[in-house]
Amino acid sequence: MIISIIVAVDEKGGIGFENHIPWHLPGDLARFKKFTMGHHLLLGRKTYESIGSALPGRQMIILTRNPEFKAPDCITAPTLDEALTLAENAGENEVFIIGGAEIYREALTLADHIYLTLVHTSVEADTYFPQFDQTAWSVICEQDFPEDDQNPIAHTFKYLVRE
């Protein structure tokens, strides 16, 4: 099973502020939906709460240390390893790690692919994507998106594969 991270970061590595994404990029959200549709998504409880509900067409596995936590149409797991096992046992061929920072940090050592959106701005952030050795990754695809009606902020999308 392929383990993929999908994330959008600002120029300083910021990914969130007060438990929300600090920008709105409809074009990037459409790309996120296209890549993740039909797959398992692994995310932390706070990230799930920021989304507010299960995303249609995808099975969400929420990582939480609270065994009492329940979310409609979602599965919970206490660890990343257990979540990955659940996805693999369900026949998943590519699982997507969608946040937050703590989950990304743990998943970086296991990930095979990174779908990375570099948002060309610097925003107020209180949550950051962890630093990683970019020399360990090959850029398979890179595409620039200028500011337009679908993207109020210019950004670059990169698809990275571990060397």
N, C-alpha and C. Protein backbone atom coordinates (compact mmCIF):
# COMPACT_ATOMS: atom_id res chain seq x y z
N MET A 1 0.85 -1.19 0.00
CA MET A 1 0.00 0.00 0.00
C MET A 1 0.89 1.24 0.00
N ILE A 2 0.57 2.18 -0.85
CA ILE A 2 1.29 3.45 -0.92
C ILE A 2 0.79 4.36 0.20
N ILE A 3 1.73 4.97 0.90
CA ILE A 3 1.39 5.96 1.94
C ILE A 3 1.72 7.33 1.38
N SER A 4 0.71 8.17 1.25
CA SER A 4 0.88 9.50 0.67
C SER A 4 0.48 10.58 1.67
N ILE A 5 1.25 11.64 1.65
CA ILE A 5 0.92 12.84 2.42
C ILE A 5 0.39 13.86 1.43
N ILE A 6 -0.69 14.54 1.80
CA ILE A 6 -1.21 15.62 0.96
C ILE A 6 -1.33 16.84 1.86
N VAL A 7 -0.71 17.96 1.42
CA VAL A 7 -0.63 19.13 2.29
C VAL A 7 -0.44 20.40 1.47
N ALA A 8 -0.94 21.50 1.99
CA ALA A 8 -0.68 22.83 1.43
C ALA A 8 0.03 23.63 2.52
N VAL A 9 1.12 24.30 2.14
CA VAL A 9 1.92 25.07 3.10
C VAL A 9 2.19 26.46 2.56
N ASP A 10 2.33 27.44 3.46
CA ASP A 10 2.72 28.77 3.01
C ASP A 10 4.25 28.83 2.92
N GLU A 11 4.79 30.00 2.62
CA GLU A 11 6.23 30.14 2.40
C GLU A 11 7.07 29.87 3.65
N LYS A 12 6.45 29.87 4.82
CA LYS A 12 7.16 29.57 6.06
C LYS A 12 6.80 28.20 6.62
N GLY A 13 6.06 27.41 5.84
CA GLY A 13 5.67 26.07 6.29
C GLY A 13 4.38 26.03 7.08
N GLY A 14 3.69 27.16 7.18
CA GLY A 14 2.42 27.22 7.92
C GLY A 14 1.34 26.42 7.22
N ILE A 15 0.57 25.67 8.03
CA ILE A 15 -0.54 24.89 7.47
C ILE A 15 -1.88 25.22 8.12
N GLY A 16 -1.85 25.93 9.26
CA GLY A 16 -3.10 26.22 9.92
C GLY A 16 -3.00 27.35 10.91
N PHE A 17 -4.16 27.94 11.20
CA PHE A 17 -4.26 28.98 12.22
C PHE A 17 -5.59 28.79 12.95
N GLU A 18 -5.51 28.65 14.26
CA GLU A 18 -6.70 28.46 15.09
C GLU A 18 -7.59 27.33 14.56
N ASN A 19 -6.93 26.23 14.19
CA ASN A 19 -7.58 25.01 13.73
C ASN A 19 -8.35 25.17 12.41
N HIS A 20 -7.87 26.07 11.56
CA HIS A 20 -8.45 26.25 10.22
C HIS A 20 -7.34 26.46 9.20
N ILE A 21 -7.61 26.13 7.96
CA ILE A 21 -6.67 26.43 6.87
C ILE A 21 -6.73 27.94 6.65
N PRO A 22 -5.59 28.62 6.63
CA PRO A 22 -5.60 30.09 6.56
C PRO A 22 -5.74 30.69 5.16
N TRP A 23 -6.22 29.95 4.21
CA TRP A 23 -6.48 30.46 2.86
C TRP A 23 -7.60 29.63 2.25
N HIS A 24 -8.15 30.12 1.15
CA HIS A 24 -9.18 29.38 0.42
C HIS A 24 -8.78 29.33 -1.04
N LEU A 25 -8.42 28.15 -1.50
CA LEU A 25 -8.00 27.94 -2.88
C LEU A 25 -8.90 26.89 -3.52
N PRO A 26 -10.01 27.31 -4.16
CA PRO A 26 -10.94 26.34 -4.74
C PRO A 26 -10.29 25.36 -5.71
N GLY A 27 -9.34 25.84 -6.50
CA GLY A 27 -8.66 24.95 -7.45
C GLY A 27 -7.87 23.87 -6.74
N ASP A 28 -7.21 24.23 -5.64
CA ASP A 28 -6.44 23.25 -4.88
C ASP A 28 -7.37 22.28 -4.16
N LEU A 29 -8.49 22.77 -3.66
CA LEU A 29 -9.47 21.88 -3.01
C LEU A 29 -10.02 20.87 -4.01
N ALA A 30 -10.24 21.30 -5.25
CA ALA A 30 -10.71 20.38 -6.29
C ALA A 30 -9.66 19.31 -6.57
N ARG A 31 -8.39 19.70 -6.58
CA ARG A 31 -7.30 18.74 -6.79
C ARG A 31 -7.25 17.75 -5.62
N PHE A 32 -7.39 18.25 -4.39
CA PHE A 32 -7.43 17.39 -3.20
C PHE A 32 -8.54 16.35 -3.35
N LYS A 33 -9.72 16.80 -3.75
CA LYS A 33 -10.86 15.90 -3.91
C LYS A 33 -10.57 14.85 -4.98
N LYS A 34 -10.01 15.28 -6.11
CA LYS A 34 -9.71 14.37 -7.22
C LYS A 34 -8.74 13.27 -6.78
N PHE A 35 -7.68 13.66 -6.08
CA PHE A 35 -6.67 12.68 -5.66
C PHE A 35 -7.18 11.74 -4.58
N THR A 36 -7.98 12.24 -3.65
CA THR A 36 -8.36 11.45 -2.47
C THR A 36 -9.67 10.68 -2.62
N MET A 37 -10.47 11.00 -3.62
CA MET A 37 -11.77 10.34 -3.79
C MET A 37 -11.60 8.83 -3.88
N GLY A 38 -12.40 8.13 -3.09
CA GLY A 38 -12.38 6.67 -3.10
C GLY A 38 -11.31 6.04 -2.23
N HIS A 39 -10.54 6.86 -1.53
CA HIS A 39 -9.44 6.35 -0.70
C HIS A 39 -9.70 6.57 0.79
N HIS A 40 -8.86 5.94 1.59
CA HIS A 40 -8.87 6.17 3.04
C HIS A 40 -8.06 7.42 3.34
N LEU A 41 -8.57 8.26 4.24
CA LEU A 41 -7.88 9.45 4.71
C LEU A 41 -7.57 9.27 6.19
N LEU A 42 -6.32 9.50 6.57
CA LEU A 42 -5.91 9.41 7.97
C LEU A 42 -5.67 10.82 8.47
N LEU A 43 -6.27 11.15 9.62
CA LEU A 43 -6.16 12.49 10.15
C LEU A 43 -6.32 12.47 11.66
N GLY A 44 -5.80 13.51 12.28
CA GLY A 44 -5.95 13.66 13.72
C GLY A 44 -7.33 14.19 14.08
N ARG A 45 -7.67 14.04 15.35
CA ARG A 45 -8.99 14.46 15.83
C ARG A 45 -9.22 15.94 15.62
N LYS A 46 -8.22 16.78 15.91
CA LYS A 46 -8.40 18.23 15.74
C LYS A 46 -8.62 18.59 14.27
N THR A 47 -7.92 17.92 13.39
CA THR A 47 -8.13 18.16 11.96
C THR A 47 -9.54 17.75 11.56
N TYR A 48 -9.99 16.61 12.06
CA TYR A 48 -11.37 16.20 11.79
C TYR A 48 -12.36 17.25 12.29
N GLU A 49 -12.16 17.73 13.51
CA GLU A 49 -13.08 18.73 14.07
C GLU A 49 -13.06 20.02 13.26
N SER A 50 -11.92 20.37 12.65
CA SER A 50 -11.88 21.57 11.81
C SER A 50 -12.67 21.36 10.52
N ILE A 51 -12.71 20.12 10.03
CA ILE A 51 -13.49 19.81 8.83
C ILE A 51 -14.98 19.73 9.20
N GLY A 52 -15.28 19.09 10.31
CA GLY A 52 -16.64 19.07 10.85
C GLY A 52 -17.49 17.86 10.52
N SER A 53 -17.09 17.09 9.51
CA SER A 53 -17.86 15.89 9.16
C SER A 53 -17.02 15.02 8.23
N ALA A 54 -17.53 13.81 8.00
CA ALA A 54 -16.85 12.91 7.07
C ALA A 54 -16.92 13.50 5.66
N LEU A 55 -15.88 13.32 4.88
CA LEU A 55 -15.87 13.78 3.49
C LEU A 55 -16.50 12.70 2.61
N PRO A 56 -17.46 13.07 1.80
CA PRO A 56 -18.15 12.07 0.96
C PRO A 56 -17.18 11.33 0.04
N GLY A 57 -17.45 10.03 -0.14
CA GLY A 57 -16.68 9.24 -1.08
C GLY A 57 -15.33 8.79 -0.58
N ARG A 58 -15.03 9.05 0.69
CA ARG A 58 -13.76 8.67 1.26
C ARG A 58 -14.00 8.11 2.66
N GLN A 59 -13.19 7.12 3.06
CA GLN A 59 -13.28 6.57 4.41
C GLN A 59 -12.26 7.28 5.28
N MET A 60 -12.73 7.97 6.31
CA MET A 60 -11.83 8.70 7.19
C MET A 60 -11.51 7.86 8.43
N ILE A 61 -10.22 7.78 8.74
CA ILE A 61 -9.76 7.13 9.96
C ILE A 61 -9.16 8.22 10.83
N ILE A 62 -9.80 8.47 11.96
CA ILE A 62 -9.38 9.55 12.86
C ILE A 62 -8.47 8.97 13.94
N LEU A 63 -7.29 9.56 14.06
CA LEU A 63 -6.35 9.14 15.09
C LEU A 63 -6.65 9.92 16.36
N THR A 64 -6.93 9.18 17.42
CA THR A 64 -7.24 9.80 18.70
C THR A 64 -6.84 8.86 19.83
N ARG A 65 -6.34 9.45 20.90
CA ARG A 65 -6.01 8.65 22.08
C ARG A 65 -7.24 8.42 22.96
N ASN A 66 -8.34 9.09 22.65
CA ASN A 66 -9.57 8.99 23.43
C ASN A 66 -10.42 7.84 22.88
N PRO A 67 -10.50 6.71 23.61
CA PRO A 67 -11.26 5.57 23.11
C PRO A 67 -12.77 5.83 23.05
N GLU A 68 -13.23 6.89 23.70
CA GLU A 68 -14.66 7.23 23.70
C GLU A 68 -15.06 8.11 22.50
N PHE A 69 -14.06 8.66 21.79
CA PHE A 69 -14.37 9.57 20.68
C PHE A 69 -15.03 8.79 19.54
N LYS A 70 -16.13 9.30 19.06
CA LYS A 70 -16.85 8.72 17.93
C LYS A 70 -17.22 9.85 16.97
N ALA A 71 -17.20 9.54 15.68
CA ALA A 71 -17.61 10.50 14.66
C ALA A 71 -18.43 9.74 13.62
N PRO A 72 -19.57 10.29 13.21
CA PRO A 72 -20.43 9.61 12.24
C PRO A 72 -19.68 9.28 10.94
N ASP A 73 -19.87 8.05 10.48
CA ASP A 73 -19.30 7.57 9.21
C ASP A 73 -17.78 7.56 9.18
N CYS A 74 -17.14 7.54 10.35
CA CYS A 74 -15.68 7.51 10.44
C CYS A 74 -15.26 6.34 11.33
N ILE A 75 -14.03 5.94 11.16
CA ILE A 75 -13.39 4.92 12.00
C ILE A 75 -12.38 5.65 12.87
N THR A 76 -12.13 5.14 14.06
CA THR A 76 -11.08 5.72 14.91
C THR A 76 -9.99 4.67 15.14
N ALA A 77 -8.79 5.17 15.40
CA ALA A 77 -7.66 4.31 15.72
C ALA A 77 -6.76 5.07 16.70
N PRO A 78 -6.14 4.35 17.62
CA PRO A 78 -5.30 5.03 18.62
C PRO A 78 -3.89 5.38 18.12
N THR A 79 -3.43 4.73 17.04
CA THR A 79 -2.07 4.98 16.55
C THR A 79 -2.07 5.01 15.02
N LEU A 80 -1.03 5.61 14.48
CA LEU A 80 -0.86 5.63 13.03
C LEU A 80 -0.70 4.22 12.49
N ASP A 81 0.08 3.38 13.15
CA ASP A 81 0.27 2.00 12.70
C ASP A 81 -1.05 1.25 12.61
N GLU A 82 -1.90 1.42 13.63
CA GLU A 82 -3.19 0.73 13.62
C GLU A 82 -4.09 1.28 12.51
N ALA A 83 -4.04 2.58 12.29
CA ALA A 83 -4.83 3.18 11.21
C ALA A 83 -4.38 2.65 9.85
N LEU A 84 -3.08 2.56 9.65
CA LEU A 84 -2.56 2.04 8.38
C LEU A 84 -2.97 0.58 8.17
N THR A 85 -2.93 -0.19 9.24
CA THR A 85 -3.35 -1.60 9.16
C THR A 85 -4.83 -1.70 8.79
N LEU A 86 -5.67 -0.85 9.39
CA LEU A 86 -7.10 -0.85 9.06
C LEU A 86 -7.31 -0.56 7.57
N ALA A 87 -6.60 0.43 7.05
CA ALA A 87 -6.74 0.78 5.64
C ALA A 87 -6.26 -0.35 4.74
N GLU A 88 -5.12 -0.91 5.07
CA GLU A 88 -4.57 -2.00 4.26
C GLU A 88 -5.49 -3.22 4.29
N ASN A 89 -6.02 -3.56 5.46
CA ASN A 89 -6.92 -4.71 5.58
C ASN A 89 -8.23 -4.49 4.81
N ALA A 90 -8.58 -3.22 4.57
CA ALA A 90 -9.78 -2.90 3.79
C ALA A 90 -9.50 -2.93 2.29
N GLY A 91 -8.26 -3.24 1.91
CA GLY A 91 -7.91 -3.35 0.50
C GLY A 91 -7.42 -2.05 -0.13
N GLU A 92 -7.09 -1.07 0.70
CA GLU A 92 -6.63 0.22 0.18
C GLU A 92 -5.32 0.05 -0.57
N ASN A 93 -5.17 0.76 -1.71
CA ASN A 93 -3.90 0.73 -2.44
C ASN A 93 -3.08 2.01 -2.23
N GLU A 94 -3.75 3.11 -1.85
CA GLU A 94 -3.04 4.36 -1.53
C GLU A 94 -3.83 5.09 -0.45
N VAL A 95 -3.20 5.25 0.69
CA VAL A 95 -3.82 5.95 1.82
C VAL A 95 -3.26 7.36 1.86
N PHE A 96 -4.10 8.33 2.24
CA PHE A 96 -3.68 9.73 2.29
C PHE A 96 -3.66 10.24 3.72
N ILE A 97 -2.52 10.78 4.11
CA ILE A 97 -2.37 11.45 5.41
C ILE A 97 -2.73 12.91 5.17
N ILE A 98 -3.74 13.44 5.90
CA ILE A 98 -4.20 14.81 5.61
C ILE A 98 -4.03 15.77 6.80
N GLY A 99 -3.28 15.37 7.81
CA GLY A 99 -2.99 16.30 8.91
C GLY A 99 -3.49 15.82 10.24
N GLY A 100 -3.15 16.54 11.25
CA GLY A 100 -2.39 17.75 11.34
C GLY A 100 -0.90 17.52 11.51
N ALA A 101 -0.26 18.53 12.09
CA ALA A 101 1.20 18.57 12.16
C ALA A 101 1.80 17.34 12.84
N GLU A 102 1.21 16.92 13.93
CA GLU A 102 1.74 15.77 14.67
C GLU A 102 1.65 14.49 13.82
N ILE A 103 0.55 14.32 13.11
CA ILE A 103 0.36 13.15 12.25
C ILE A 103 1.33 13.22 11.07
N TYR A 104 1.48 14.40 10.47
CA TYR A 104 2.45 14.56 9.39
C TYR A 104 3.86 14.19 9.86
N ARG A 105 4.25 14.68 11.03
CA ARG A 105 5.59 14.43 11.56
C ARG A 105 5.84 12.92 11.66
N GLU A 106 4.87 12.21 12.20
CA GLU A 106 5.02 10.77 12.36
C GLU A 106 5.01 10.06 11.00
N ALA A 107 4.19 10.51 10.09
CA ALA A 107 4.02 9.84 8.79
C ALA A 107 5.18 10.11 7.82
N LEU A 108 5.90 11.19 8.02
CA LEU A 108 6.99 11.53 7.08
C LEU A 108 8.01 10.41 6.92
N THR A 109 8.29 9.68 7.98
CA THR A 109 9.28 8.61 7.88
C THR A 109 8.75 7.40 7.11
N LEU A 110 7.43 7.31 6.99
CA LEU A 110 6.80 6.16 6.32
C LEU A 110 6.32 6.47 4.90
N ALA A 111 6.16 7.74 4.60
CA ALA A 111 5.51 8.15 3.35
C ALA A 111 6.32 7.76 2.11
N ASP A 112 5.58 7.38 1.07
CA ASP A 112 6.16 7.08 -0.24
C ASP A 112 6.03 8.27 -1.19
N HIS A 113 4.93 9.03 -1.04
CA HIS A 113 4.63 10.16 -1.92
C HIS A 113 4.22 11.37 -1.07
N ILE A 114 4.48 12.56 -1.62
CA ILE A 114 3.95 13.80 -1.03
C ILE A 114 3.32 14.61 -2.15
N TYR A 115 2.06 14.95 -1.96
CA TYR A 115 1.35 15.88 -2.84
C TYR A 115 1.41 17.22 -2.12
N LEU A 116 2.27 18.12 -2.60
CA LEU A 116 2.62 19.34 -1.88
C LEU A 116 2.18 20.58 -2.65
N THR A 117 1.34 21.39 -2.02
CA THR A 117 0.97 22.68 -2.60
C THR A 117 1.71 23.75 -1.84
N LEU A 118 2.54 24.51 -2.56
CA LEU A 118 3.28 25.63 -1.97
C LEU A 118 2.49 26.90 -2.26
N VAL A 119 1.88 27.47 -1.23
CA VAL A 119 1.06 28.67 -1.37
C VAL A 119 1.99 29.88 -1.28
N HIS A 120 2.00 30.70 -2.33
CA HIS A 120 2.96 31.80 -2.42
C HIS A 120 2.49 33.02 -1.63
N THR A 121 2.47 32.84 -0.33
CA THR A 121 2.13 33.90 0.61
C THR A 121 2.67 33.50 1.96
N SER A 122 2.68 34.45 2.86
CA SER A 122 3.04 34.17 4.25
C SER A 122 1.87 34.63 5.10
N VAL A 123 1.28 33.71 5.86
CA VAL A 123 0.10 34.02 6.65
C VAL A 123 0.40 33.83 8.13
N GLU A 124 -0.49 34.33 8.96
CA GLU A 124 -0.37 34.05 10.38
C GLU A 124 -0.72 32.58 10.58
N ALA A 125 0.18 31.85 11.21
CA ALA A 125 -0.03 30.41 11.41
C ALA A 125 0.40 30.03 12.82
N ASP A 126 -0.26 29.02 13.34
CA ASP A 126 0.16 28.46 14.63
C ASP A 126 0.44 26.97 14.52
N THR A 127 0.33 26.44 13.30
CA THR A 127 0.60 25.04 13.03
C THR A 127 1.44 24.97 11.76
N TYR A 128 2.50 24.13 11.81
CA TYR A 128 3.47 24.08 10.72
C TYR A 128 3.73 22.65 10.27
N PHE A 129 3.97 22.51 8.97
CA PHE A 129 4.40 21.22 8.43
C PHE A 129 5.84 21.00 8.87
N PRO A 130 6.20 19.80 9.30
CA PRO A 130 7.56 19.56 9.77
C PRO A 130 8.60 19.70 8.66
N GLN A 131 9.78 20.15 9.04
CA GLN A 131 10.90 20.21 8.10
C GLN A 131 11.23 18.79 7.67
N PHE A 132 11.63 18.62 6.40
CA PHE A 132 12.03 17.30 5.93
C PHE A 132 13.14 17.45 4.91
N ASP A 133 13.91 16.39 4.72
CA ASP A 133 15.04 16.39 3.80
C ASP A 133 14.52 16.25 2.37
N GLN A 134 14.45 17.37 1.66
CA GLN A 134 13.91 17.34 0.31
C GLN A 134 14.82 16.62 -0.68
N THR A 135 16.10 16.43 -0.32
CA THR A 135 17.00 15.69 -1.21
C THR A 135 16.66 14.20 -1.25
N ALA A 136 15.85 13.73 -0.32
CA ALA A 136 15.43 12.32 -0.30
C ALA A 136 14.23 12.07 -1.21
N TRP A 137 13.78 13.13 -1.90
CA TRP A 137 12.57 13.04 -2.72
C TRP A 137 12.85 13.52 -4.14
N SER A 138 12.21 12.90 -5.12
CA SER A 138 12.27 13.34 -6.51
C SER A 138 10.97 14.05 -6.85
N VAL A 139 11.10 15.18 -7.55
CA VAL A 139 9.91 15.89 -8.03
C VAL A 139 9.51 15.26 -9.35
N ILE A 140 8.34 14.62 -9.36
CA ILE A 140 7.83 13.93 -10.55
C ILE A 140 7.04 14.89 -11.42
N CYS A 141 6.36 15.82 -10.77
CA CYS A 141 5.51 16.77 -11.48
C CYS A 141 5.53 18.08 -10.71
N GLU A 142 5.58 19.18 -11.44
CA GLU A 142 5.52 20.51 -10.82
C GLU A 142 4.70 21.40 -11.74
N GLN A 143 3.72 22.08 -11.14
CA GLN A 143 2.85 22.94 -11.94
C GLN A 143 2.55 24.22 -11.18
N ASP A 144 2.74 25.35 -11.85
CA ASP A 144 2.46 26.66 -11.26
C ASP A 144 1.04 27.09 -11.59
N PHE A 145 0.39 27.70 -10.61
CA PHE A 145 -0.96 28.23 -10.79
C PHE A 145 -0.95 29.70 -10.40
N PRO A 146 -1.15 30.59 -11.37
CA PRO A 146 -1.17 32.02 -11.06
C PRO A 146 -2.46 32.38 -10.32
N GLU A 147 -2.46 33.53 -9.74
CA GLU A 147 -3.69 34.05 -9.13
C GLU A 147 -4.74 34.20 -10.22
N ASP A 148 -5.95 33.67 -9.98
CA ASP A 148 -7.05 33.79 -10.94
C ASP A 148 -8.37 33.60 -10.19
N ASP A 149 -9.47 33.43 -10.93
CA ASP A 149 -10.78 33.32 -10.27
C ASP A 149 -10.92 32.04 -9.47
N GLN A 150 -10.15 30.99 -9.77
CA GLN A 150 -10.19 29.75 -8.99
C GLN A 150 -9.14 29.72 -7.88
N ASN A 151 -8.20 30.62 -7.95
CA ASN A 151 -7.08 30.61 -7.00
C ASN A 151 -6.73 32.05 -6.64
N PRO A 152 -7.28 32.57 -5.54
CA PRO A 152 -7.00 33.96 -5.18
C PRO A 152 -5.55 34.20 -4.74
N ILE A 153 -4.78 33.12 -4.58
CA ILE A 153 -3.36 33.23 -4.25
C ILE A 153 -2.61 32.30 -5.20
N ALA A 154 -1.55 32.81 -5.80
CA ALA A 154 -0.72 31.97 -6.67
C ALA A 154 -0.11 30.85 -5.83
N HIS A 155 0.06 29.68 -6.46
CA HIS A 155 0.67 28.56 -5.76
C HIS A 155 1.29 27.60 -6.76
N THR A 156 2.12 26.71 -6.24
CA THR A 156 2.78 25.69 -7.04
C THR A 156 2.44 24.33 -6.45
N PHE A 157 2.05 23.42 -7.33
CA PHE A 157 1.76 22.06 -6.90
C PHE A 157 2.95 21.19 -7.30
N LYS A 158 3.42 20.36 -6.35
CA LYS A 158 4.51 19.43 -6.61
C LYS A 158 4.10 18.02 -6.17
N TYR A 159 4.43 17.06 -7.01
CA TYR A 159 4.22 15.66 -6.67
C TYR A 159 5.60 15.06 -6.44
N LEU A 160 5.85 14.61 -5.22
CA LEU A 160 7.17 14.10 -4.83
C LEU A 160 7.09 12.61 -4.54
N VAL A 161 8.14 11.90 -4.94
CA VAL A 161 8.26 10.48 -4.66
C VAL A 161 9.59 10.23 -3.96
N ARG A 162 9.54 9.41 -2.90
CA ARG A 162 10.76 9.13 -2.15
C ARG A 162 11.78 8.42 -3.06
N GLU A 163 13.03 8.85 -2.96
CA GLU A 163 14.13 8.26 -3.75
C GLU A 163 14.33 6.80 -3.39
